[in-house]
Amino acid sequence: RTGAFSGNFLLEDDDVTTSKVNAKEIRRAIRYQGLIVPVGAEHRGVGCFMLPQIPAVSSDPPANRQPILSGAVLFEKD
C-alpha cells in the first residue's frame, strides 16, 4: 500500500582471528528496508542494509564492536 518493504537475512562467516575453521563462528542477522518506486513505466524496489564489519586480524575488536558498513538493496523485474 505504501510501497515500503523490509526483511532480513542471516550471514554466517568464519572468524579468521581464531585457529578454528568454522563458517558459523560469526553470525550477523541483517535487516533491510526500502521503497518501491516508479522508474519509467515499471517499478523498482530500492533500499539499504547495515552490518558490522568482520574482524580482519586477531588484534581487532570483536565483530559486535566493529565499524558499521552499508549496502544497497535492489529489486528489479527480469
PDB file of N, CA and C in Angstrom:
ATOM      1  N   ARG A   1       0.817  -1.186   0.000  1.00  0.00           N
ATOM      2  CA  ARG A   1       0.000   0.000   0.000  1.00  0.00           C
ATOM      3  C   ARG A   1       0.871   1.265   0.000  1.00  0.00           C
ATOM      4  N   THR A   2       1.893   1.290   0.859  1.00  0.00           N
ATOM      5  CA  THR A   2       2.759   2.479   0.937  1.00  0.00           C
ATOM      6  C   THR A   2       3.979   2.366   0.027  1.00  0.00           C
ATOM      7  N   GLY A   3       4.268   1.157  -0.450  1.00  0.00           N
ATOM      8  CA  GLY A   3       5.469   0.928  -1.245  1.00  0.00           C
ATOM      9  C   GLY A   3       6.668   0.535  -0.411  1.00  0.00           C
ATOM     10  N   ALA A   4       6.515   0.534   0.909  1.00  0.00           N
ATOM     11  CA  ALA A   4       7.627   0.161   1.787  1.00  0.00           C
ATOM     12  C   ALA A   4       7.764  -1.363   1.846  1.00  0.00           C
ATOM     13  N   PHE A   5       8.989  -1.851   1.901  1.00  0.00           N
ATOM     14  CA  PHE A   5       9.251  -3.268   2.108  1.00  0.00           C
ATOM     15  C   PHE A   5      10.398  -3.412   3.096  1.00  0.00           C
ATOM     16  N   SER A   6      10.457  -4.565   3.741  1.00  0.00           N
ATOM     17  CA  SER A   6      11.547  -4.847   4.667  1.00  0.00           C
ATOM     18  C   SER A   6      11.673  -6.353   4.823  1.00  0.00           C
ATOM     19  N   GLY A   7      12.777  -6.774   5.364  1.00  0.00           N
ATOM     20  CA  GLY A   7      13.022  -8.187   5.595  1.00  0.00           C
ATOM     21  C   GLY A   7      14.349  -8.362   6.301  1.00  0.00           C
ATOM     22  N   ASN A   8      14.802  -9.596   6.369  1.00  0.00           N
ATOM     23  CA  ASN A   8      16.085  -9.856   6.993  1.00  0.00           C
ATOM     24  C   ASN A   8      16.730 -11.087   6.392  1.00  0.00           C
ATOM     25  N   PHE A   9      18.024 -11.215   6.623  1.00  0.00           N
ATOM     26  CA  PHE A   9      18.771 -12.393   6.209  1.00  0.00           C
ATOM     27  C   PHE A   9      19.883 -12.612   7.211  1.00  0.00           C
ATOM     28  N   LEU A  10      20.444 -13.818   7.219  1.00  0.00           N
ATOM     29  CA  LEU A  10      21.478 -14.193   8.166  1.00  0.00           C
ATOM     30  C   LEU A  10      22.785 -14.436   7.424  1.00  0.00           C
ATOM     31  N   LEU A  11      23.850 -13.770   7.861  1.00  0.00           N
ATOM     32  CA  LEU A  11      25.186 -14.014   7.324  1.00  0.00           C
ATOM     33  C   LEU A  11      25.963 -14.835   8.336  1.00  0.00           C
ATOM     34  N   GLU A  12      26.602 -15.906   7.875  1.00  0.00           N
ATOM     35  CA  GLU A  12      27.431 -16.741   8.739  1.00  0.00           C
ATOM     36  C   GLU A  12      28.825 -16.788   8.135  1.00  0.00           C
ATOM     37  N   ASP A  13      29.824 -16.406   8.935  1.00  0.00           N
ATOM     38  CA  ASP A  13      31.189 -16.327   8.437  1.00  0.00           C
ATOM     39  C   ASP A  13      32.158 -16.970   9.407  1.00  0.00           C
ATOM     40  N   ASP A  14      33.309 -17.342   8.877  1.00  0.00           N
ATOM     41  CA  ASP A  14      34.405 -17.866   9.690  1.00  0.00           C
ATOM     42  C   ASP A  14      35.101 -16.706  10.386  1.00  0.00           C
ATOM     43  N   ASP A  15      35.429 -16.879  11.651  1.00  0.00           N
ATOM     44  CA  ASP A  15      36.197 -15.869  12.387  1.00  0.00           C
ATOM     45  C   ASP A  15      37.674 -16.134  12.118  1.00  0.00           C
ATOM     46  N   VAL A  16      38.279 -15.322  11.257  1.00  0.00           N
ATOM     47  CA  VAL A  16      39.681 -15.542  10.871  1.00  0.00           C
ATOM     48  C   VAL A  16      40.642 -15.215  11.995  1.00  0.00           C
ATOM     49  N   THR A  17      40.154 -14.648  13.079  1.00  0.00           N
ATOM     50  CA  THR A  17      41.033 -14.328  14.207  1.00  0.00           C
ATOM     51  C   THR A  17      41.233 -15.520  15.133  1.00  0.00           C
ATOM     52  N   THR A  18      40.547 -16.639  14.872  1.00  0.00           N
ATOM     53  CA  THR A  18      40.733 -17.858  15.666  1.00  0.00           C
ATOM     54  C   THR A  18      41.390 -18.918  14.805  1.00  0.00           C
ATOM     55  N   SER A  19      41.896 -19.970  15.444  1.00  0.00           N
ATOM     56  CA  SER A  19      42.542 -21.051  14.690  1.00  0.00           C
ATOM     57  C   SER A  19      41.532 -22.050  14.144  1.00  0.00           C
ATOM     58  N   LYS A  20      40.290 -22.007  14.638  1.00  0.00           N
ATOM     59  CA  LYS A  20      39.249 -22.918  14.145  1.00  0.00           C
ATOM     60  C   LYS A  20      38.791 -22.496  12.755  1.00  0.00           C
ATOM     61  N   VAL A  21      38.398 -23.480  11.956  1.00  0.00           N
ATOM     62  CA  VAL A  21      37.781 -23.188  10.665  1.00  0.00           C
ATOM     63  C   VAL A  21      36.321 -23.614  10.779  1.00  0.00           C
ATOM     64  N   ASN A  22      35.451 -22.622  10.943  1.00  0.00           N
ATOM     65  CA  ASN A  22      34.039 -22.886  11.148  1.00  0.00           C
ATOM     66  C   ASN A  22      33.269 -21.731  10.522  1.00  0.00           C
ATOM     67  N   ALA A  23      32.502 -22.019   9.498  1.00  0.00           N
ATOM     68  CA  ALA A  23      31.799 -20.970   8.756  1.00  0.00           C
ATOM     69  C   ALA A  23      30.664 -20.341   9.547  1.00  0.00           C
ATOM     70  N   LYS A  24      30.408 -20.826  10.758  1.00  0.00           N
ATOM     71  CA  LYS A  24      29.299 -20.283  11.531  1.00  0.00           C
ATOM     72  C   LYS A  24      29.769 -19.616  12.817  1.00  0.00           C
ATOM     73  N   GLU A  25      31.029 -19.214  12.876  1.00  0.00           N
ATOM     74  CA  GLU A  25      31.546 -18.588  14.095  1.00  0.00           C
ATOM     75  C   GLU A  25      30.997 -17.179  14.295  1.00  0.00           C
ATOM     76  N   ILE A  26      30.841 -16.434  13.227  1.00  0.00           N
ATOM     77  CA  ILE A  26      30.302 -15.083  13.317  1.00  0.00           C
ATOM     78  C   ILE A  26      28.957 -15.075  12.609  1.00  0.00           C
ATOM     79  N   ARG A  27      27.903 -14.849  13.373  1.00  0.00           N
ATOM     80  CA  ARG A  27      26.554 -14.787  12.806  1.00  0.00           C
ATOM     81  C   ARG A  27      26.049 -13.366  12.929  1.00  0.00           C
ATOM     82  N   ARG A  28      25.563 -12.853  11.815  1.00  0.00           N
ATOM     83  CA  ARG A  28      25.039 -11.488  11.810  1.00  0.00           C
ATOM     84  C   ARG A  28      23.658 -11.493  11.172  1.00  0.00           C
ATOM     85  N   ALA A  29      22.647 -11.142  11.961  1.00  0.00           N
ATOM     86  CA  ALA A  29      21.285 -11.019  11.445  1.00  0.00           C
ATOM     87  C   ALA A  29      21.155  -9.616  10.863  1.00  0.00           C
ATOM     88  N   ILE A  30      20.892  -9.539   9.573  1.00  0.00           N
ATOM     89  CA  ILE A  30      20.867  -8.271   8.864  1.00  0.00           C
ATOM     90  C   ILE A  30      19.434  -7.933   8.468  1.00  0.00           C
ATOM     91  N   ARG A  31      19.029  -6.729   8.760  1.00  0.00           N
ATOM     92  CA  ARG A  31      17.695  -6.249   8.389  1.00  0.00           C
ATOM     93  C   ARG A  31      17.841  -5.269   7.233  1.00  0.00           C
ATOM     94  N   TYR A  32      16.960  -5.387   6.243  1.00  0.00           N
ATOM     95  CA  TYR A  32      16.966  -4.448   5.121  1.00  0.00           C
ATOM     96  C   TYR A  32      15.608  -3.768   5.012  1.00  0.00           C
ATOM     97  N   GLN A  33      15.606  -2.626   4.362  1.00  0.00           N
ATOM     98  CA  GLN A  33      14.362  -1.893   4.149  1.00  0.00           C
ATOM     99  C   GLN A  33      14.474  -1.043   2.906  1.00  0.00           C
ATOM    100  N   GLY A  34      13.321  -0.677   2.346  1.00  0.00           N
ATOM    101  CA  GLY A  34      13.344   0.148   1.151  1.00  0.00           C
ATOM    102  C   GLY A  34      11.950   0.536   0.713  1.00  0.00           C
ATOM    103  N   LEU A  35      11.896   1.125  -0.465  1.00  0.00           N
ATOM    104  CA  LEU A  35      10.645   1.579  -1.063  1.00  0.00           C
ATOM    105  C   LEU A  35      10.553   1.104  -2.504  1.00  0.00           C
ATOM    106  N   ILE A  36       9.353   0.827  -2.953  1.00  0.00           N
ATOM    107  CA  ILE A  36       9.118   0.525  -4.360  1.00  0.00           C
ATOM    108  C   ILE A  36       8.786   1.854  -5.035  1.00  0.00           C
ATOM    109  N   VAL A  37       9.551   2.190  -6.057  1.00  0.00           N
ATOM    110  CA  VAL A  37       9.413   3.498  -6.717  1.00  0.00           C
ATOM    111  C   VAL A  37       9.187   3.309  -8.218  1.00  0.00           C
ATOM    112  N   PRO A  38       8.473   4.233  -8.859  1.00  0.00           N
ATOM    113  CA  PRO A  38       8.285   4.147 -10.308  1.00  0.00           C
ATOM    114  C   PRO A  38       9.563   4.552 -11.039  1.00  0.00           C
ATOM    115  N   VAL A  39       9.908   3.748 -12.045  1.00  0.00           N
ATOM    116  CA  VAL A  39      11.051   4.056 -12.920  1.00  0.00           C
ATOM    117  C   VAL A  39      10.539   3.880 -14.340  1.00  0.00           C
ATOM    118  N   GLY A  40      10.223   4.982 -14.999  1.00  0.00           N
ATOM    119  CA  GLY A  40       9.601   4.904 -16.314  1.00  0.00           C
ATOM    120  C   GLY A  40       8.231   4.251 -16.188  1.00  0.00           C
ATOM    121  N   ALA A  41       7.979   3.225 -16.995  1.00  0.00           N
ATOM    122  CA  ALA A  41       6.699   2.526 -16.965  1.00  0.00           C
ATOM    123  C   ALA A  41       6.711   1.350 -15.986  1.00  0.00           C
ATOM    124  N   GLU A  42       7.828   1.107 -15.326  1.00  0.00           N
ATOM    125  CA  GLU A  42       7.952  -0.026 -14.393  1.00  0.00           C
ATOM    126  C   GLU A  42       8.144   0.476 -12.969  1.00  0.00           C
ATOM    127  N   HIS A  43       8.276  -0.465 -12.067  1.00  0.00           N
ATOM    128  CA  HIS A  43       8.553  -0.150 -10.659  1.00  0.00           C
ATOM    129  C   HIS A  43       9.777  -0.937 -10.210  1.00  0.00           C
ATOM    130  N   ARG A  44      10.536  -0.341  -9.311  1.00  0.00           N
ATOM    131  CA  ARG A  44      11.733  -0.964  -8.754  1.00  0.00           C
ATOM    132  C   ARG A  44      11.735  -0.804  -7.251  1.00  0.00           C
ATOM    133  N   GLY A  45      12.308  -1.775  -6.555  1.00  0.00           N
ATOM    134  CA  GLY A  45      12.496  -1.661  -5.115  1.00  0.00           C
ATOM    135  C   GLY A  45      13.925  -1.239  -4.840  1.00  0.00           C
ATOM    136  N   VAL A  46      14.101  -0.152  -4.128  1.00  0.00           N
ATOM    137  CA  VAL A  46      15.436   0.332  -3.771  1.00  0.00           C
ATOM    138  C   VAL A  46      15.486   0.528  -2.257  1.00  0.00           C
ATOM    139  N   GLY A  47      16.612   0.155  -1.665  1.00  0.00           N
ATOM    140  CA  GLY A  47      16.729   0.287  -0.221  1.00  0.00           C
ATOM    141  C   GLY A  47      18.152   0.073   0.239  1.00  0.00           C
ATOM    142  N   CYS A  48      18.282  -0.231   1.521  1.00  0.00           N
ATOM    143  CA  CYS A  48      19.619  -0.373   2.097  1.00  0.00           C
ATOM    144  C   CYS A  48      19.607  -1.346   3.264  1.00  0.00           C
ATOM    145  N   PHE A  49      20.822  -1.736   3.676  1.00  0.00           N
ATOM    146  CA  PHE A  49      21.020  -2.522   4.889  1.00  0.00           C
ATOM    147  C   PHE A  49      22.336  -2.088   5.513  1.00  0.00           C
ATOM    148  N   MET A  50      22.499  -2.382   6.796  1.00  0.00           N
ATOM    149  CA  MET A  50      23.733  -2.060   7.503  1.00  0.00           C
ATOM    150  C   MET A  50      24.177  -3.295   8.279  1.00  0.00           C
ATOM    151  N   LEU A  51      25.497  -3.516   8.361  1.00  0.00           N
ATOM    152  CA  LEU A  51      26.019  -4.666   9.072  1.00  0.00           C
ATOM    153  C   LEU A  51      27.394  -4.360   9.646  1.00  0.00           C
ATOM    154  N   PRO A  52      27.767  -5.034  10.745  1.00  0.00           N
ATOM    155  CA  PRO A  52      29.096  -4.830  11.307  1.00  0.00           C
ATOM    156  C   PRO A  52      30.155  -5.519  10.452  1.00  0.00           C
ATOM    157  N   GLN A  53      31.287  -4.871  10.312  1.00  0.00           N
ATOM    158  CA  GLN A  53      32.422  -5.431   9.573  1.00  0.00           C
ATOM    159  C   GLN A  53      32.988  -6.634  10.333  1.00  0.00           C
ATOM    160  N   ILE A  54      33.522  -7.605   9.621  1.00  0.00           N
ATOM    161  CA  ILE A  54      34.151  -8.772  10.249  1.00  0.00           C
ATOM    162  C   ILE A  54      35.577  -8.401  10.671  1.00  0.00           C
ATOM    163  N   PRO A  55      36.031  -8.812  11.861  1.00  0.00           N
ATOM    164  CA  PRO A  55      37.413  -8.556  12.260  1.00  0.00           C
ATOM    165  C   PRO A  55      38.388  -9.192  11.258  1.00  0.00           C
ATOM    166  N   ALA A  56      39.444  -8.466  10.910  1.00  0.00           N
ATOM    167  CA  ALA A  56      40.402  -8.961   9.921  1.00  0.00           C
ATOM    168  C   ALA A  56      41.569  -9.700  10.566  1.00  0.00           C
ATOM    169  N   VAL A  57      41.991  -9.259  11.731  1.00  0.00           N
ATOM    170  CA  VAL A  57      43.127  -9.894  12.430  1.00  0.00           C
ATOM    171  C   VAL A  57      42.781 -10.043  13.906  1.00  0.00           C
ATOM    172  N   SER A  58      43.523 -10.883  14.601  1.00  0.00           N
ATOM    173  CA  SER A  58      43.194 -11.178  15.996  1.00  0.00           C
ATOM    174  C   SER A  58      43.287  -9.972  16.917  1.00  0.00           C
ATOM    175  N   SER A  59      44.029  -8.946  16.538  1.00  0.00           N
ATOM    176  CA  SER A  59      44.128  -7.752  17.391  1.00  0.00           C
ATOM    177  C   SER A  59      42.942  -6.802  17.219  1.00  0.00           C
ATOM    178  N   ASP A  60      42.067  -7.064  16.239  1.00  0.00           N
ATOM    179  CA  ASP A  60      40.874  -6.234  16.023  1.00  0.00           C
ATOM    180  C   ASP A  60      39.846  -6.494  17.124  1.00  0.00           C
ATOM    181  N   PRO A  61      38.984  -5.516  17.402  1.00  0.00           N
ATOM    182  CA  PRO A  61      37.878  -5.750  18.347  1.00  0.00           C
ATOM    183  C   PRO A  61      36.938  -6.833  17.804  1.00  0.00           C
ATOM    184  N   PRO A  62      36.124  -7.457  18.665  1.00  0.00           N
ATOM    185  CA  PRO A  62      35.185  -8.480  18.194  1.00  0.00           C
ATOM    186  C   PRO A  62      34.157  -7.903  17.224  1.00  0.00           C
ATOM    187  N   ALA A  63      33.458  -8.790  16.525  1.00  0.00           N
ATOM    188  CA  ALA A  63      32.506  -8.376  15.477  1.00  0.00           C
ATOM    189  C   ALA A  63      31.446  -7.418  15.991  1.00  0.00           C
ATOM    190  N   ASN A  64      31.015  -7.584  17.235  1.00  0.00           N
ATOM    191  CA  ASN A  64      29.961  -6.701  17.744  1.00  0.00           C
ATOM    192  C   ASN A  64      30.479  -5.305  18.096  1.00  0.00           C
ATOM    193  N   ARG A  65      31.786  -5.051  17.945  1.00  0.00           N
ATOM    194  CA  ARG A  65      32.344  -3.717  18.186  1.00  0.00           C
ATOM    195  C   ARG A  65      33.074  -3.174  16.958  1.00  0.00           C
ATOM    196  N   GLN A  66      32.777  -3.708  15.808  1.00  0.00           N
ATOM    197  CA  GLN A  66      33.393  -3.277  14.554  1.00  0.00           C
ATOM    198  C   GLN A  66      32.627  -2.108  13.944  1.00  0.00           C
ATOM    199  N   PRO A  67      33.267  -1.386  13.011  1.00  0.00           N
ATOM    200  CA  PRO A  67      32.555  -0.325  12.284  1.00  0.00           C
ATOM    201  C   PRO A  67      31.357  -0.905  11.522  1.00  0.00           C
ATOM    202  N   ILE A  68      30.351  -0.078  11.318  1.00  0.00           N
ATOM    203  CA  ILE A  68      29.146  -0.490  10.601  1.00  0.00           C
ATOM    204  C   ILE A  68      29.312  -0.158   9.121  1.00  0.00           C
ATOM    205  N   LEU A  69      29.062  -1.148   8.275  1.00  0.00           N
ATOM    206  CA  LEU A  69      29.115  -0.986   6.824  1.00  0.00           C
ATOM    207  C   LEU A  69      27.691  -0.888   6.291  1.00  0.00           C
ATOM    208  N   SER A  70      27.528  -0.340   5.097  1.00  0.00           N
ATOM    209  CA  SER A  70      26.200  -0.257   4.494  1.00  0.00           C
ATOM    210  C   SER A  70      26.215  -0.914   3.119  1.00  0.00           C
ATOM    211  N   GLY A  71      25.053  -1.308   2.679  1.00  0.00           N
ATOM    212  CA  GLY A  71      24.918  -1.921   1.367  1.00  0.00           C
ATOM    213  C   GLY A  71      23.582  -1.550   0.745  1.00  0.00           C
ATOM    214  N   ALA A  72      23.461  -1.788  -0.536  1.00  0.00           N
ATOM    215  CA  ALA A  72      22.252  -1.437  -1.279  1.00  0.00           C
ATOM    216  C   ALA A  72      21.389  -2.672  -1.510  1.00  0.00           C
ATOM    217  N   VAL A  73      20.086  -2.444  -1.551  1.00  0.00           N
ATOM    218  CA  VAL A  73      19.101  -3.461  -1.903  1.00  0.00           C
ATOM    219  C   VAL A  73      18.432  -2.988  -3.178  1.00  0.00           C
ATOM    220  N   LEU A  74      18.304  -3.877  -4.164  1.00  0.00           N
ATOM    221  CA  LEU A  74      17.665  -3.521  -5.415  1.00  0.00           C
ATOM    222  C   LEU A  74      16.805  -4.676  -5.893  1.00  0.00           C
ATOM    223  N   PHE A  75      15.513  -4.442  -6.045  1.00  0.00           N
ATOM    224  CA  PHE A  75      14.593  -5.415  -6.625  1.00  0.00           C
ATOM    225  C   PHE A  75      14.234  -4.946  -8.017  1.00  0.00           C
ATOM    226  N   GLU A  76      14.506  -5.790  -9.005  1.00  0.00           N
ATOM    227  CA  GLU A  76      14.194  -5.443 -10.393  1.00  0.00           C
ATOM    228  C   GLU A  76      13.402  -6.566 -11.034  1.00  0.00           C
ATOM    229  N   LYS A  77      12.677  -6.225 -12.053  1.00  0.00           N
ATOM    230  CA  LYS A  77      11.966  -7.210 -12.855  1.00  0.00           C
ATOM    231  C   LYS A  77      12.930  -7.712 -13.924  1.00  0.00           C
ATOM    232  N   ASP A  78      13.009  -9.045 -14.086  1.00  0.00           N
ATOM    233  CA  ASP A  78      13.882  -9.622 -15.141  1.00  0.00           C
ATOM    234  C   ASP A  78      13.277  -9.463 -16.493  1.00  0.00           C
TER     235      ASP A  78
END
